[in-house]
Amino acid sequence: MTLDDPAMSKRFVRCPICADEYPWPDEPVISVFNEETGRYQLEDVSGRPPAKRADMLRQGYRQCPNPSEDSAAHYLPATYNNYQDPLVIGLVGASGIMTVTGRAFQEGQ
């Protein structure tokens, strides 16, 4: 379910990579990954026809501003703000599970 309410573009989001919270930008400039150069290029989608703009947004990214400056540059999908807040799930004890599974695998079970 997308959130098409214009007020939603001003909401704060929490980056799933660095865990910083910041206001989602609403400018029409997105980053598009260039396969040939291996870099992101800024693209202004404001002058594009609606169908082309929507397609570019689905393929584009927005760089996280990383307000705490504690991680390397990273990008979120340009449509990240179009949906409700994600469900966050924490896993506890994964290393113990991996140890048991790894031991069973080594023993041929």
C-alpha atoms as a PDB file:
ATOM      1  CA  MET A   1       0.000   0.000   0.000  1.00  0.00           C
ATOM      2  CA  THR A   2       1.580   3.268  -1.067  1.00  0.00           C
ATOM      3  CA  LEU A   3       1.107   6.527   0.702  1.00  0.00           C
ATOM      4  CA  ASP A   4       0.197   9.140  -1.893  1.00  0.00           C
ATOM      5  CA  ASP A   5      -0.615  11.836   0.650  1.00  0.00           C
ATOM      6  CA  PRO A   6       1.682  14.843  -0.053  1.00  0.00           C
ATOM      7  CA  ALA A   7       2.187  15.290   3.687  1.00  0.00           C
ATOM      8  CA  MET A   8       3.982  11.929   3.782  1.00  0.00           C
ATOM      9  CA  SER A   9       6.891  13.302   1.747  1.00  0.00           C
ATOM     10  CA  LYS A  10       7.824  15.463   4.767  1.00  0.00           C
ATOM     11  CA  ARG A  11       7.995  12.591   7.213  1.00  0.00           C
ATOM     12  CA  PHE A  12      11.084  11.304   8.950  1.00  0.00           C
ATOM     13  CA  VAL A  13      12.496   7.933   7.956  1.00  0.00           C
ATOM     14  CA  ARG A  14      14.959   5.675   9.723  1.00  0.00           C
ATOM     15  CA  CYS A  15      17.702   4.364   7.483  1.00  0.00           C
ATOM     16  CA  PRO A  16      17.896   0.550   7.750  1.00  0.00           C
ATOM     17  CA  ILE A  17      21.647   0.674   7.105  1.00  0.00           C
ATOM     18  CA  CYS A  18      22.969   3.289   9.562  1.00  0.00           C
ATOM     19  CA  ALA A  19      19.853   3.580  11.804  1.00  0.00           C
ATOM     20  CA  ASP A  20      19.879   7.396  11.549  1.00  0.00           C
ATOM     21  CA  GLU A  21      16.555   9.208  11.341  1.00  0.00           C
ATOM     22  CA  TYR A  22      16.212  12.146   8.953  1.00  0.00           C
ATOM     23  CA  PRO A  23      13.547  14.020   6.949  1.00  0.00           C
ATOM     24  CA  TRP A  24      12.963  12.341   3.597  1.00  0.00           C
ATOM     25  CA  PRO A  25      13.960  14.717   0.758  1.00  0.00           C
ATOM     26  CA  ASP A  26      11.214  15.689  -1.675  1.00  0.00           C
ATOM     27  CA  GLU A  27      13.332  17.218  -4.448  1.00  0.00           C
ATOM     28  CA  PRO A  28      13.012  15.683  -7.929  1.00  0.00           C
ATOM     29  CA  VAL A  29      16.690  14.699  -8.131  1.00  0.00           C
ATOM     30  CA  ILE A  30      17.529  11.008  -7.694  1.00  0.00           C
ATOM     31  CA  SER A  31      20.646   8.901  -8.135  1.00  0.00           C
ATOM     32  CA  VAL A  32      20.694   6.340 -10.926  1.00  0.00           C
ATOM     33  CA  PHE A  33      23.360   3.644 -10.980  1.00  0.00           C
ATOM     34  CA  ASN A  34      25.405   3.626 -14.194  1.00  0.00           C
ATOM     35  CA  GLU A  35      26.482   0.052 -15.001  1.00  0.00           C
ATOM     36  CA  GLU A  36      29.289   1.215 -17.316  1.00  0.00           C
ATOM     37  CA  THR A  37      31.032   3.509 -14.819  1.00  0.00           C
ATOM     38  CA  GLY A  38      30.006   1.687 -11.643  1.00  0.00           C
ATOM     39  CA  ARG A  39      28.913   5.002 -10.114  1.00  0.00           C
ATOM     40  CA  TYR A  40      25.710   6.797  -9.220  1.00  0.00           C
ATOM     41  CA  GLN A  41      24.697   9.754 -11.383  1.00  0.00           C
ATOM     42  CA  LEU A  42      22.259  12.475 -10.343  1.00  0.00           C
ATOM     43  CA  GLU A  43      19.161  12.757 -12.551  1.00  0.00           C
ATOM     44  CA  ASP A  44      16.452  15.416 -12.388  1.00  0.00           C
ATOM     45  CA  VAL A  45      13.164  13.657 -13.118  1.00  0.00           C
ATOM     46  CA  SER A  46      10.920  16.729 -12.842  1.00  0.00           C
ATOM     47  CA  GLY A  47      10.707  17.382 -16.611  1.00  0.00           C
ATOM     48  CA  ARG A  48       9.955  13.773 -17.538  1.00  0.00           C
ATOM     49  CA  PRO A  49       6.511  12.490 -18.565  1.00  0.00           C
ATOM     50  CA  PRO A  50       4.680  10.873 -15.605  1.00  0.00           C
ATOM     51  CA  ALA A  51       5.196   7.276 -16.798  1.00  0.00           C
ATOM     52  CA  LYS A  52       8.911   7.828 -17.412  1.00  0.00           C
ATOM     53  CA  ARG A  53       9.309   9.635 -14.063  1.00  0.00           C
ATOM     54  CA  ALA A  54       7.606   6.765 -12.223  1.00  0.00           C
ATOM     55  CA  ASP A  55       9.858   4.240 -13.985  1.00  0.00           C
ATOM     56  CA  MET A  56      13.001   6.207 -13.134  1.00  0.00           C
ATOM     57  CA  LEU A  57      11.909   6.493  -9.490  1.00  0.00           C
ATOM     58  CA  ARG A  58      11.452   2.712  -9.314  1.00  0.00           C
ATOM     59  CA  GLN A  59      15.009   2.261 -10.613  1.00  0.00           C
ATOM     60  CA  GLY A  60      16.581   5.190  -8.739  1.00  0.00           C
ATOM     61  CA  TYR A  61      18.063   5.759  -5.323  1.00  0.00           C
ATOM     62  CA  ARG A  62      18.519   8.559  -2.806  1.00  0.00           C
ATOM     63  CA  GLN A  63      21.718   8.859  -0.833  1.00  0.00           C
ATOM     64  CA  CYS A  64      21.288   8.681   2.912  1.00  0.00           C
ATOM     65  CA  PRO A  65      22.711  11.857   4.471  1.00  0.00           C
ATOM     66  CA  ASN A  66      24.077   9.721   7.358  1.00  0.00           C
ATOM     67  CA  PRO A  67      23.706  12.523   9.955  1.00  0.00           C
ATOM     68  CA  SER A  68      25.851  10.681  12.522  1.00  0.00           C
ATOM     69  CA  GLU A  69      28.634  10.222   9.943  1.00  0.00           C
ATOM     70  CA  ASP A  70      29.417   6.756  11.301  1.00  0.00           C
ATOM     71  CA  SER A  71      29.200   4.679   8.121  1.00  0.00           C
ATOM     72  CA  ALA A  72      30.261   4.779   4.489  1.00  0.00           C
ATOM     73  CA  ALA A  73      28.078   6.352   1.792  1.00  0.00           C
ATOM     74  CA  HIS A  74      24.960   4.300   1.104  1.00  0.00           C
ATOM     75  CA  TYR A  75      21.725   4.619  -0.844  1.00  0.00           C
ATOM     76  CA  LEU A  76      18.064   3.776  -0.313  1.00  0.00           C
ATOM     77  CA  PRO A  77      15.511   3.111  -3.052  1.00  0.00           C
ATOM     78  CA  ALA A  78      13.987   6.390  -4.281  1.00  0.00           C
ATOM     79  CA  THR A  79      10.528   4.966  -3.507  1.00  0.00           C
ATOM     80  CA  TYR A  80      11.446   4.093   0.110  1.00  0.00           C
ATOM     81  CA  ASN A  81       9.166   6.865   1.422  1.00  0.00           C
ATOM     82  CA  ASN A  82       6.176   5.729  -0.681  1.00  0.00           C
ATOM     83  CA  TYR A  83       5.313   2.962   1.766  1.00  0.00           C
ATOM     84  CA  GLN A  84       4.479   2.692   5.443  1.00  0.00           C
ATOM     85  CA  ASP A  85       7.277   2.226   7.957  1.00  0.00           C
ATOM     86  CA  PRO A  86       8.935  -1.181   7.546  1.00  0.00           C
ATOM     87  CA  LEU A  87       8.598  -3.954  10.077  1.00  0.00           C
ATOM     88  CA  VAL A  88      11.903  -4.337  11.919  1.00  0.00           C
ATOM     89  CA  ILE A  89      12.773  -7.832  13.099  1.00  0.00           C
ATOM     90  CA  GLY A  90      15.706  -8.589  15.392  1.00  0.00           C
ATOM     91  CA  LEU A  91      17.321 -12.014  15.459  1.00  0.00           C
ATOM     92  CA  VAL A  92      18.814 -13.270  18.693  1.00  0.00           C
ATOM     93  CA  GLY A  93      21.129 -16.233  19.010  1.00  0.00           C
ATOM     94  CA  ALA A  94      21.931 -16.661  15.317  1.00  0.00           C
ATOM     95  CA  SER A  95      25.543 -17.593  16.072  1.00  0.00           C
ATOM     96  CA  GLY A  96      24.358 -20.449  18.305  1.00  0.00           C
ATOM     97  CA  ILE A  97      22.081 -21.723  15.555  1.00  0.00           C
ATOM     98  CA  MET A  98      24.907 -21.476  13.038  1.00  0.00           C
ATOM     99  CA  THR A  99      27.207 -23.447  15.371  1.00  0.00           C
ATOM    100  CA  VAL A 100      24.691 -26.266  15.833  1.00  0.00           C
ATOM    101  CA  THR A 101      23.846 -26.344  12.120  1.00  0.00           C
ATOM    102  CA  GLY A 102      27.521 -26.224  11.151  1.00  0.00           C
ATOM    103  CA  ARG A 103      28.398 -29.034  13.573  1.00  0.00           C
ATOM    104  CA  ALA A 104      25.520 -31.179  12.254  1.00  0.00           C
ATOM    105  CA  PHE A 105      26.699 -30.530   8.700  1.00  0.00           C
ATOM    106  CA  GLN A 106      30.281 -31.491   9.552  1.00  0.00           C
ATOM    107  CA  GLU A 107      29.070 -34.699  11.213  1.00  0.00           C
ATOM    108  CA  GLY A 108      27.059 -35.556   8.092  1.00  0.00           C
ATOM    109  CA  GLN A 109      23.638 -35.242   9.692  1.00  0.00           C
END
